[in-house]
PDB file of N, CA and C in Angstrom:
ATOM      1  N   MET A   1      89.151  96.424 117.002  1.00  0.00           N
ATOM      2  CA  MET A   1      89.637  95.001 116.966  1.00  0.00           C
ATOM      3  C   MET A   1      89.160  94.190 115.837  1.00  0.00           C
ATOM      4  N   THR A   2      87.952  94.528 115.326  1.00  0.00           N
ATOM      5  CA  THR A   2      87.453  93.721 114.127  1.00  0.00           C
ATOM      6  C   THR A   2      88.445  94.099 112.905  1.00  0.00           C
ATOM      7  N   GLY A   3      88.637  95.367 112.788  1.00  0.00           N
ATOM      8  CA  GLY A   3      89.389  95.875 111.630  1.00  0.00           C
ATOM      9  C   GLY A   3      90.812  95.165 111.663  1.00  0.00           C
ATOM     10  N   LEU A   4      91.426  95.092 112.867  1.00  0.00           N
ATOM     11  CA  LEU A   4      92.739  94.481 112.961  1.00  0.00           C
ATOM     12  C   LEU A   4      92.618  92.928 112.563  1.00  0.00           C
ATOM     13  N   TRP A   5      91.593  92.317 112.956  1.00  0.00           N
ATOM     14  CA  TRP A   5      91.438  90.901 112.585  1.00  0.00           C
ATOM     15  C   TRP A   5      91.287  90.708 111.102  1.00  0.00           C
ATOM     16  N   VAL A   6      90.510  91.655 110.451  1.00  0.00           N
ATOM     17  CA  VAL A   6      90.303  91.568 108.957  1.00  0.00           C
ATOM     18  C   VAL A   6      91.668  91.769 108.338  1.00  0.00           C
ATOM     19  N   ILE A   7      92.552  92.656 108.785  1.00  0.00           N
ATOM     20  CA  ILE A   7      93.909  92.888 108.197  1.00  0.00           C
ATOM     21  C   ILE A   7      94.855  91.581 108.380  1.00  0.00           C
ATOM     22  N   GLY A   8      94.686  91.101 109.562  1.00  0.00           N
ATOM     23  CA  GLY A   8      95.542  89.973 109.939  1.00  0.00           C
ATOM     24  C   GLY A   8      95.104  88.693 109.047  1.00  0.00           C
ATOM     25  N   HIS A   9      93.738  88.617 108.948  1.00  0.00           N
ATOM     26  CA  HIS A   9      93.192  87.504 108.158  1.00  0.00           C
ATOM     27  C   HIS A   9      93.658  87.667 106.608  1.00  0.00           C
ATOM     28  N   GLU A  10      93.550  88.792 106.125  1.00  0.00           N
ATOM     29  CA  GLU A  10      94.031  89.103 104.742  1.00  0.00           C
ATOM     30  C   GLU A  10      95.505  88.752 104.538  1.00  0.00           C
ATOM     31  N   CYS A  11      96.339  89.074 105.537  1.00  0.00           N
ATOM     32  CA  CYS A  11      97.718  88.769 105.494  1.00  0.00           C
ATOM     33  C   CYS A  11      97.941  87.200 105.491  1.00  0.00           C
ATOM     34  N   GLY A  12      97.181  86.513 106.193  1.00  0.00           N
ATOM     35  CA  GLY A  12      97.203  85.052 106.281  1.00  0.00           C
ATOM     36  C   GLY A  12      96.785  84.466 104.939  1.00  0.00           C
ATOM     37  N   HIS A  13      95.938  85.176 104.130  1.00  0.00           N
ATOM     38  CA  HIS A  13      95.596  84.623 102.849  1.00  0.00           C
ATOM     39  C   HIS A  13      96.525  85.130 101.723  1.00  0.00           C
ATOM     40  N   GLY A  14      97.435  86.016 102.035  1.00  0.00           N
ATOM     41  CA  GLY A  14      98.375  86.698 101.154  1.00  0.00           C
ATOM     42  C   GLY A  14      97.646  87.748 100.351  1.00  0.00           C
ATOM     43  N   GLY A  15      96.565  88.286 100.832  1.00  0.00           N
ATOM     44  CA  GLY A  15      95.833  89.312 100.043  1.00  0.00           C
ATOM     45  C   GLY A  15      96.116  90.846 100.549  1.00  0.00           C
ATOM     46  N   PHE A  16      96.888  90.943 101.558  1.00  0.00           N
ATOM     47  CA  PHE A  16      97.201  92.263 102.106  1.00  0.00           C
ATOM     48  C   PHE A  16      98.198  92.981 101.125  1.00  0.00           C
ATOM     49  N   SER A  17      99.203  92.256 100.785  1.00  0.00           N
ATOM     50  CA  SER A  17     100.254  92.818  99.872  1.00  0.00           C
ATOM     51  C   SER A  17     100.673  91.749  98.862  1.00  0.00           C
ATOM     52  N   GLU A  18     101.313  92.240  97.830  1.00  0.00           N
ATOM     53  CA  GLU A  18     101.841  91.317  96.817  1.00  0.00           C
ATOM     54  C   GLU A  18     103.103  90.535  97.345  1.00  0.00           C
ATOM     55  N   SER A  19     103.765  91.100  98.462  1.00  0.00           N
ATOM     56  CA  SER A  19     104.963  90.600  99.050  1.00  0.00           C
ATOM     57  C   SER A  19     104.673  89.625 100.113  1.00  0.00           C
ATOM     58  N   PRO A  20     105.056  88.354 100.073  1.00  0.00           N
ATOM     59  CA  PRO A  20     104.811  87.474 101.188  1.00  0.00           C
ATOM     60  C   PRO A  20     105.515  87.849 102.470  1.00  0.00           C
ATOM     61  N   LEU A  21     106.667  88.561 102.324  1.00  0.00           N
ATOM     62  CA  LEU A  21     107.320  89.049 103.488  1.00  0.00           C
ATOM     63  C   LEU A  21     106.533  90.101 104.316  1.00  0.00           C
ATOM     64  N   VAL A  22     105.968  91.127 103.473  1.00  0.00           N
ATOM     65  CA  VAL A  22     105.151  92.067 104.021  1.00  0.00           C
ATOM     66  C   VAL A  22     103.817  91.464 104.656  1.00  0.00           C
ATOM     67  N   ASN A  23     103.195  90.507 103.952  1.00  0.00           N
ATOM     68  CA  ASN A  23     102.021  89.790 104.577  1.00  0.00           C
ATOM     69  C   ASN A  23     102.317  89.095 105.907  1.00  0.00           C
ATOM     70  N   ASP A  24     103.492  88.417 105.870  1.00  0.00           N
ATOM     71  CA  ASP A  24     103.870  87.719 107.126  1.00  0.00           C
ATOM     72  C   ASP A  24     104.230  88.679 108.283  1.00  0.00           C
ATOM     73  N   THR A  25     104.889  89.792 107.952  1.00  0.00           N
ATOM     74  CA  THR A  25     105.364  90.820 108.915  1.00  0.00           C
ATOM     75  C   THR A  25     104.154  91.448 109.540  1.00  0.00           C
ATOM     76  N   VAL A  26     103.377  91.893 108.729  1.00  0.00           N
ATOM     77  CA  VAL A  26     102.093  92.650 109.138  1.00  0.00           C
ATOM     78  C   VAL A  26     101.181  91.707 109.879  1.00  0.00           C
ATOM     79  N   GLY A  27     100.983  90.494 109.305  1.00  0.00           N
ATOM     80  CA  GLY A  27     100.191  89.482 109.938  1.00  0.00           C
ATOM     81  C   GLY A  27     100.685  89.025 111.286  1.00  0.00           C
ATOM     82  N   LEU A  28     101.978  88.939 111.478  1.00  0.00           N
ATOM     83  CA  LEU A  28     102.588  88.555 112.754  1.00  0.00           C
ATOM     84  C   LEU A  28     102.337  89.654 113.753  1.00  0.00           C
ATOM     85  N   ALA A  29     102.526  90.978 113.294  1.00  0.00           N
ATOM     86  CA  ALA A  29     102.336  92.089 114.319  1.00  0.00           C
ATOM     87  C   ALA A  29     100.861  92.216 114.628  1.00  0.00           C
ATOM     88  N   VAL A  30      99.994  92.082 113.769  1.00  0.00           N
ATOM     89  CA  VAL A  30      98.579  92.204 114.006  1.00  0.00           C
ATOM     90  C   VAL A  30      98.110  91.110 114.980  1.00  0.00           C
ATOM     91  N   HIS A  31      98.455  89.845 114.575  1.00  0.00           N
ATOM     92  CA  HIS A  31      97.989  88.742 115.356  1.00  0.00           C
ATOM     93  C   HIS A  31      98.622  88.728 116.662  1.00  0.00           C
ATOM     94  N   SER A  32      99.883  89.272 116.896  1.00  0.00           N
ATOM     95  CA  SER A  32     100.471  89.401 118.116  1.00  0.00           C
ATOM     96  C   SER A  32      99.820  90.340 118.990  1.00  0.00           C
ATOM     97  N   ALA A  33      99.293  91.460 118.427  1.00  0.00           N
ATOM     98  CA  ALA A  33      98.524  92.438 119.223  1.00  0.00           C
ATOM     99  C   ALA A  33      97.161  91.842 119.643  1.00  0.00           C
ATOM    100  N   LEU A  34      96.627  90.848 118.912  1.00  0.00           N
ATOM    101  CA  LEU A  34      95.391  90.314 119.215  1.00  0.00           C
ATOM    102  C   LEU A  34      95.517  88.952 120.063  1.00  0.00           C
ATOM    103  N   LEU A  35      96.834  88.690 120.367  1.00  0.00           N
ATOM    104  CA  LEU A  35      97.175  87.460 121.122  1.00  0.00           C
ATOM    105  C   LEU A  35      96.745  86.221 120.402  1.00  0.00           C
ATOM    106  N   VAL A  36      96.891  86.175 119.197  1.00  0.00           N
ATOM    107  CA  VAL A  36      96.626  84.965 118.300  1.00  0.00           C
ATOM    108  C   VAL A  36      97.916  84.571 117.613  1.00  0.00           C
ATOM    109  N   PRO A  37      98.406  83.277 117.819  1.00  0.00           N
ATOM    110  CA  PRO A  37      99.612  82.926 117.088  1.00  0.00           C
ATOM    111  C   PRO A  37      99.501  82.905 115.548  1.00  0.00           C
ATOM    112  N   TYR A  38     100.246  83.811 114.896  1.00  0.00           N
ATOM    113  CA  TYR A  38     100.016  83.983 113.483  1.00  0.00           C
ATOM    114  C   TYR A  38     100.272  82.750 112.574  1.00  0.00           C
ATOM    115  N   PHE A  39     101.490  82.243 112.642  1.00  0.00           N
ATOM    116  CA  PHE A  39     101.897  81.170 111.778  1.00  0.00           C
ATOM    117  C   PHE A  39     101.090  79.749 111.972  1.00  0.00           C
ATOM    118  N   SER A  40     100.814  79.560 113.330  1.00  0.00           N
ATOM    119  CA  SER A  40     100.034  78.281 113.425  1.00  0.00           C
ATOM    120  C   SER A  40      98.462  78.561 112.911  1.00  0.00           C
ATOM    121  N   TRP A  41      98.036  79.822 113.139  1.00  0.00           N
ATOM    122  CA  TRP A  41      96.704  80.145 112.644  1.00  0.00           C
ATOM    123  C   TRP A  41      96.693  80.006 111.166  1.00  0.00           C
ATOM    124  N   LYS A  42      97.707  80.555 110.554  1.00  0.00           N
ATOM    125  CA  LYS A  42      97.799  80.513 109.027  1.00  0.00           C
ATOM    126  C   LYS A  42      97.710  79.173 108.518  1.00  0.00           C
ATOM    127  N   ILE A  43      98.490  78.203 109.148  1.00  0.00           N
ATOM    128  CA  ILE A  43      98.471  76.867 108.622  1.00  0.00           C
ATOM    129  C   ILE A  43      97.131  76.221 108.956  1.00  0.00           C
ATOM    130  N   SER A  44      96.504  76.335 110.061  1.00  0.00           N
ATOM    131  CA  SER A  44      95.174  75.604 110.384  1.00  0.00           C
ATOM    132  C   SER A  44      94.204  76.399 109.533  1.00  0.00           C
ATOM    133  N   HIS A  45      94.186  77.648 109.253  1.00  0.00           N
ATOM    134  CA  HIS A  45      93.189  78.289 108.468  1.00  0.00           C
ATOM    135  C   HIS A  45      93.234  77.844 107.037  1.00  0.00           C
ATOM    136  N   ARG A  46      94.475  77.730 106.543  1.00  0.00           N
ATOM    137  CA  ARG A  46      94.580  77.215 105.144  1.00  0.00           C
ATOM    138  C   ARG A  46      94.035  75.778 105.019  1.00  0.00           C
ATOM    139  N   ARG A  47      94.288  74.947 106.024  1.00  0.00           N
ATOM    140  CA  ARG A  47      93.720  73.663 106.084  1.00  0.00           C
ATOM    141  C   ARG A  47      92.165  73.740 106.048  1.00  0.00           C
ATOM    142  N   HIS A  48      91.668  74.614 106.830  1.00  0.00           N
ATOM    143  CA  HIS A  48      90.207  74.706 106.967  1.00  0.00           C
ATOM    144  C   HIS A  48      89.642  75.053 105.573  1.00  0.00           C
ATOM    145  N   HIS A  49      90.297  76.080 104.873  1.00  0.00           N
ATOM    146  CA  HIS A  49      89.695  76.404 103.568  1.00  0.00           C
ATOM    147  C   HIS A  49      89.890  75.228 102.569  1.00  0.00           C
ATOM    148  N   SER A  50      90.746  74.393 102.746  1.00  0.00           N
ATOM    149  CA  SER A  50      91.047  73.304 101.714  1.00  0.00           C
ATOM    150  C   SER A  50      90.055  72.173 102.010  1.00  0.00           C
ATOM    151  N   THR A  51      89.430  72.205 103.168  1.00  0.00           N
ATOM    152  CA  THR A  51      88.480  71.083 103.544  1.00  0.00           C
ATOM    153  C   THR A  51      87.139  71.581 103.910  1.00  0.00           C
ATOM    154  N   THR A  52      86.764  72.916 103.598  1.00  0.00           N
ATOM    155  CA  THR A  52      85.408  73.454 103.853  1.00  0.00           C
ATOM    156  C   THR A  52      84.331  72.562 103.452  1.00  0.00           C
ATOM    157  N   ASN A  53      83.285  72.485 104.178  1.00  0.00           N
ATOM    158  CA  ASN A  53      82.101  71.614 103.896  1.00  0.00           C
ATOM    159  C   ASN A  53      82.428  70.073 103.816  1.00  0.00           C
ATOM    160  N   ASN A  54      83.636  69.682 104.225  1.00  0.00           N
ATOM    161  CA  ASN A  54      83.922  68.200 104.263  1.00  0.00           C
ATOM    162  C   ASN A  54      83.687  67.808 105.785  1.00  0.00           C
ATOM    163  N   MET A  55      82.670  67.184 106.082  1.00  0.00           N
ATOM    164  CA  MET A  55      82.297  66.859 107.470  1.00  0.00           C
ATOM    165  C   MET A  55      83.332  65.975 108.112  1.00  0.00           C
ATOM    166  N   ASP A  56      84.057  65.175 107.369  1.00  0.00           N
ATOM    167  CA  ASP A  56      85.103  64.367 108.108  1.00  0.00           C
ATOM    168  C   ASP A  56      86.519  65.047 108.287  1.00  0.00           C
ATOM    169  N   ARG A  57      86.769  66.015 107.377  1.00  0.00           N
ATOM    170  CA  ARG A  57      88.165  66.603 107.480  1.00  0.00           C
ATOM    171  C   ARG A  57      88.236  68.012 107.975  1.00  0.00           C
ATOM    172  N   ASP A  58      86.998  68.788 107.890  1.00  0.00           N
ATOM    173  CA  ASP A  58      87.157  70.192 108.275  1.00  0.00           C
ATOM    174  C   ASP A  58      87.502  70.233 109.802  1.00  0.00           C
ATOM    175  N   GLU A  59      88.141  71.375 110.152  1.00  0.00           N
ATOM    176  CA  GLU A  59      88.544  71.526 111.542  1.00  0.00           C
ATOM    177  C   GLU A  59      87.624  72.353 112.404  1.00  0.00           C
ATOM    178  N   VAL A  60      86.618  72.889 111.755  1.00  0.00           N
ATOM    179  CA  VAL A  60      85.675  73.809 112.544  1.00  0.00           C
ATOM    180  C   VAL A  60      84.492  72.909 113.122  1.00  0.00           C
ATOM    181  N   PHE A  61      83.763  73.462 113.965  1.00  0.00           N
ATOM    182  CA  PHE A  61      82.637  72.685 114.595  1.00  0.00           C
ATOM    183  C   PHE A  61      81.664  72.158 113.540  1.00  0.00           C
ATOM    184  N   VAL A  62      81.347  70.894 113.645  1.00  0.00           N
ATOM    185  CA  VAL A  62      80.417  70.304 112.731  1.00  0.00           C
ATOM    186  C   VAL A  62      79.331  69.663 113.550  1.00  0.00           C
ATOM    187  N   PRO A  63      78.084  70.072 113.288  1.00  0.00           N
ATOM    188  CA  PRO A  63      76.996  69.531 114.142  1.00  0.00           C
ATOM    189  C   PRO A  63      76.909  68.065 113.818  1.00  0.00           C
ATOM    190  N   GLN A  64      76.267  67.332 114.810  1.00  0.00           N
ATOM    191  CA  GLN A  64      76.072  65.914 114.663  1.00  0.00           C
ATOM    192  C   GLN A  64      75.059  65.618 113.548  1.00  0.00           C
ATOM    193  N   VAL A  65      75.300  64.719 112.704  1.00  0.00           N
ATOM    194  CA  VAL A  65      74.416  64.370 111.589  1.00  0.00           C
ATOM    195  C   VAL A  65      73.492  63.285 112.125  1.00  0.00           C
ATOM    196  N   LEU A  66      72.124  63.632 111.799  1.00  0.00           N
ATOM    197  CA  LEU A  66      71.091  62.674 112.102  1.00  0.00           C
ATOM    198  C   LEU A  66      71.011  61.626 110.951  1.00  0.00           C
ATOM    199  N   CYS A  67      70.718  60.419 111.275  1.00  0.00           N
ATOM    200  CA  CYS A  67      70.564  59.458 110.261  1.00  0.00           C
ATOM    201  C   CYS A  67      69.286  59.648 109.402  1.00  0.00           C
ATOM    202  N   ALA A  68      69.490  59.602 108.184  1.00  0.00           N
ATOM    203  CA  ALA A  68      68.206  59.829 107.294  1.00  0.00           C
ATOM    204  C   ALA A  68      67.108  58.880 107.591  1.00  0.00           C
ATOM    205  N   SER A  69      67.430  57.688 107.958  1.00  0.00           N
ATOM    206  CA  SER A  69      66.413  56.719 108.276  1.00  0.00           C
ATOM    207  C   SER A  69      65.577  57.137 109.494  1.00  0.00           C
ATOM    208  N   PHE A  70      66.110  58.013 110.357  1.00  0.00           N
ATOM    209  CA  PHE A  70      65.254  58.420 111.460  1.00  0.00           C
ATOM    210  C   PHE A  70      64.023  59.173 110.968  1.00  0.00           C
ATOM    211  N   PHE A  71      64.120  60.041 109.914  1.00  0.00           N
ATOM    212  CA  PHE A  71      63.015  60.757 109.518  1.00  0.00           C
ATOM    213  C   PHE A  71      62.117  59.754 108.695  1.00  0.00           C
ATOM    214  N   THR A  72      62.651  58.758 108.105  1.00  0.00           N
ATOM    215  CA  THR A  72      61.836  57.717 107.337  1.00  0.00           C
ATOM    216  C   THR A  72      60.878  57.054 108.310  1.00  0.00           C
ATOM    217  N   PHE A  73      61.402  56.666 109.474  1.00  0.00           N
ATOM    218  CA  PHE A  73      60.491  55.882 110.351  1.00  0.00           C
ATOM    219  C   PHE A  73      59.609  56.946 111.234  1.00  0.00           C
ATOM    220  N   THR A  74      59.740  58.158 111.067  1.00  0.00           N
ATOM    221  CA  THR A  74      58.982  59.069 111.950  1.00  0.00           C
ATOM    222  C   THR A  74      58.405  60.138 111.020  1.00  0.00           C
ATOM    223  N   PRO A  75      57.533  59.851 110.059  1.00  0.00           N
ATOM    224  CA  PRO A  75      57.075  60.855 109.173  1.00  0.00           C
ATOM    225  C   PRO A  75      56.281  61.965 109.947  1.00  0.00           C
ATOM    226  N   GLY A  76      55.621  61.768 110.965  1.00  0.00           N
ATOM    227  CA  GLY A  76      54.939  62.735 111.713  1.00  0.00           C
ATOM    228  C   GLY A  76      55.876  63.832 112.260  1.00  0.00           C
ATOM    229  N   LEU A  77      57.062  63.424 112.518  1.00  0.00           N
ATOM    230  CA  LEU A  77      58.121  64.364 113.066  1.00  0.00           C
ATOM    231  C   LEU A  77      58.494  65.409 112.067  1.00  0.00           C
ATOM    232  N   THR A  78      58.571  64.963 110.702  1.00  0.00           N
ATOM    233  CA  THR A  78      59.004  65.844 109.647  1.00  0.00           C
ATOM    234  C   THR A  78      57.824  66.844 109.473  1.00  0.00           C
ATOM    235  N   SER A  79      56.674  66.408 109.481  1.00  0.00           N
ATOM    236  CA  SER A  79      55.436  67.354 109.354  1.00  0.00           C
ATOM    237  C   SER A  79      55.395  68.394 110.584  1.00  0.00           C
ATOM    238  N   LEU A  80      55.577  67.889 111.837  1.00  0.00           N
ATOM    239  CA  LEU A  80      55.703  68.746 112.999  1.00  0.00           C
ATOM    240  C   LEU A  80      56.747  69.846 112.852  1.00  0.00           C
ATOM    241  N   THR A  81      57.981  69.463 112.358  1.00  0.00           N
ATOM    242  CA  THR A  81      59.017  70.419 112.272  1.00  0.00           C
ATOM    243  C   THR A  81      58.652  71.530 111.245  1.00  0.00           C
ATOM    244  N   ARG A  82      57.824  71.233 110.241  1.00  0.00           N
ATOM    245  CA  ARG A  82      57.391  72.247 109.285  1.00  0.00           C
ATOM    246  C   ARG A  82      56.230  73.139 109.831  1.00  0.00           C
ATOM    247  N   VAL A  83      55.378  72.591 110.607  1.00  0.00           N
ATOM    248  CA  VAL A  83      54.257  73.254 111.177  1.00  0.00           C
ATOM    249  C   VAL A  83      54.523  74.009 112.380  1.00  0.00           C
ATOM    250  N   TYR A  84      55.396  73.578 113.213  1.00  0.00           N
ATOM    251  CA  TYR A  84      55.694  74.127 114.566  1.00  0.00           C
ATOM    252  C   TYR A  84      55.912  75.652 114.523  1.00  0.00           C
ATOM    253  N   PRO A  85      56.739  76.124 113.585  1.00  0.00           N
ATOM    254  CA  PRO A  85      57.078  77.600 113.563  1.00  0.00           C
ATOM    255  C   PRO A  85      55.786  78.372 113.222  1.00  0.00           C
ATOM    256  N   VAL A  86      54.870  77.878 112.410  1.00  0.00           N
ATOM    257  CA  VAL A  86      53.633  78.529 112.219  1.00  0.00           C
ATOM    258  C   VAL A  86      52.798  78.636 113.414  1.00  0.00           C
ATOM    259  N   LEU A  87      52.652  77.580 114.196  1.00  0.00           N
ATOM    260  CA  LEU A  87      51.999  77.406 115.444  1.00  0.00           C
ATOM    261  C   LEU A  87      52.546  78.492 116.392  1.00  0.00           C
ATOM    262  N   LEU A  88      53.818  78.710 116.514  1.00  0.00           N
ATOM    263  CA  LEU A  88      54.366  79.672 117.465  1.00  0.00           C
ATOM    264  C   LEU A  88      53.941  81.067 117.076  1.00  0.00           C
ATOM    265  N   ILE A  89      53.896  81.324 115.752  1.00  0.00           N
ATOM    266  CA  ILE A  89      53.573  82.757 115.263  1.00  0.00           C
ATOM    267  C   ILE A  89      52.158  82.901 115.494  1.00  0.00           C
ATOM    268  N   ALA A  90      51.243  81.827 115.288  1.00  0.00           N
ATOM    269  CA  ALA A  90      49.805  82.072 115.506  1.00  0.00           C
ATOM    270  C   ALA A  90      49.500  82.269 116.939  1.00  0.00           C
ATOM    271  N   ARG A  91      50.173  81.705 117.884  1.00  0.00           N
ATOM    272  CA  ARG A  91      50.041  81.762 119.317  1.00  0.00           C
ATOM    273  C   ARG A  91      50.396  83.296 119.743  1.00  0.00           C
ATOM    274  N   GLY A  92      51.366  83.840 119.084  1.00  0.00           N
ATOM    275  CA  GLY A  92      51.824  85.107 119.149  1.00  0.00           C
ATOM    276  C   GLY A  92      51.708  85.822 120.470  1.00  0.00           C
TER     277      GLY A  92
END
């Protein structure tokens, strides 16, 4: 299954073949076998790559951003987050 997904992914990027027709034909066949709509995936995936790391425009999951001032007003919390993993290892 993973191998098929890689082939379909490369077809969506146009990297499977030099021919766009071959890329779309193979990509459609592979994505259909995986029950993933090829052309809508190709469009949304291209949009994802054009906005990667843009927290406002990327379409993938983006974790909630904490306000920087939160850590300014709670300096003890910042120290605790650095020390806590060491305490867990020490308790072992």
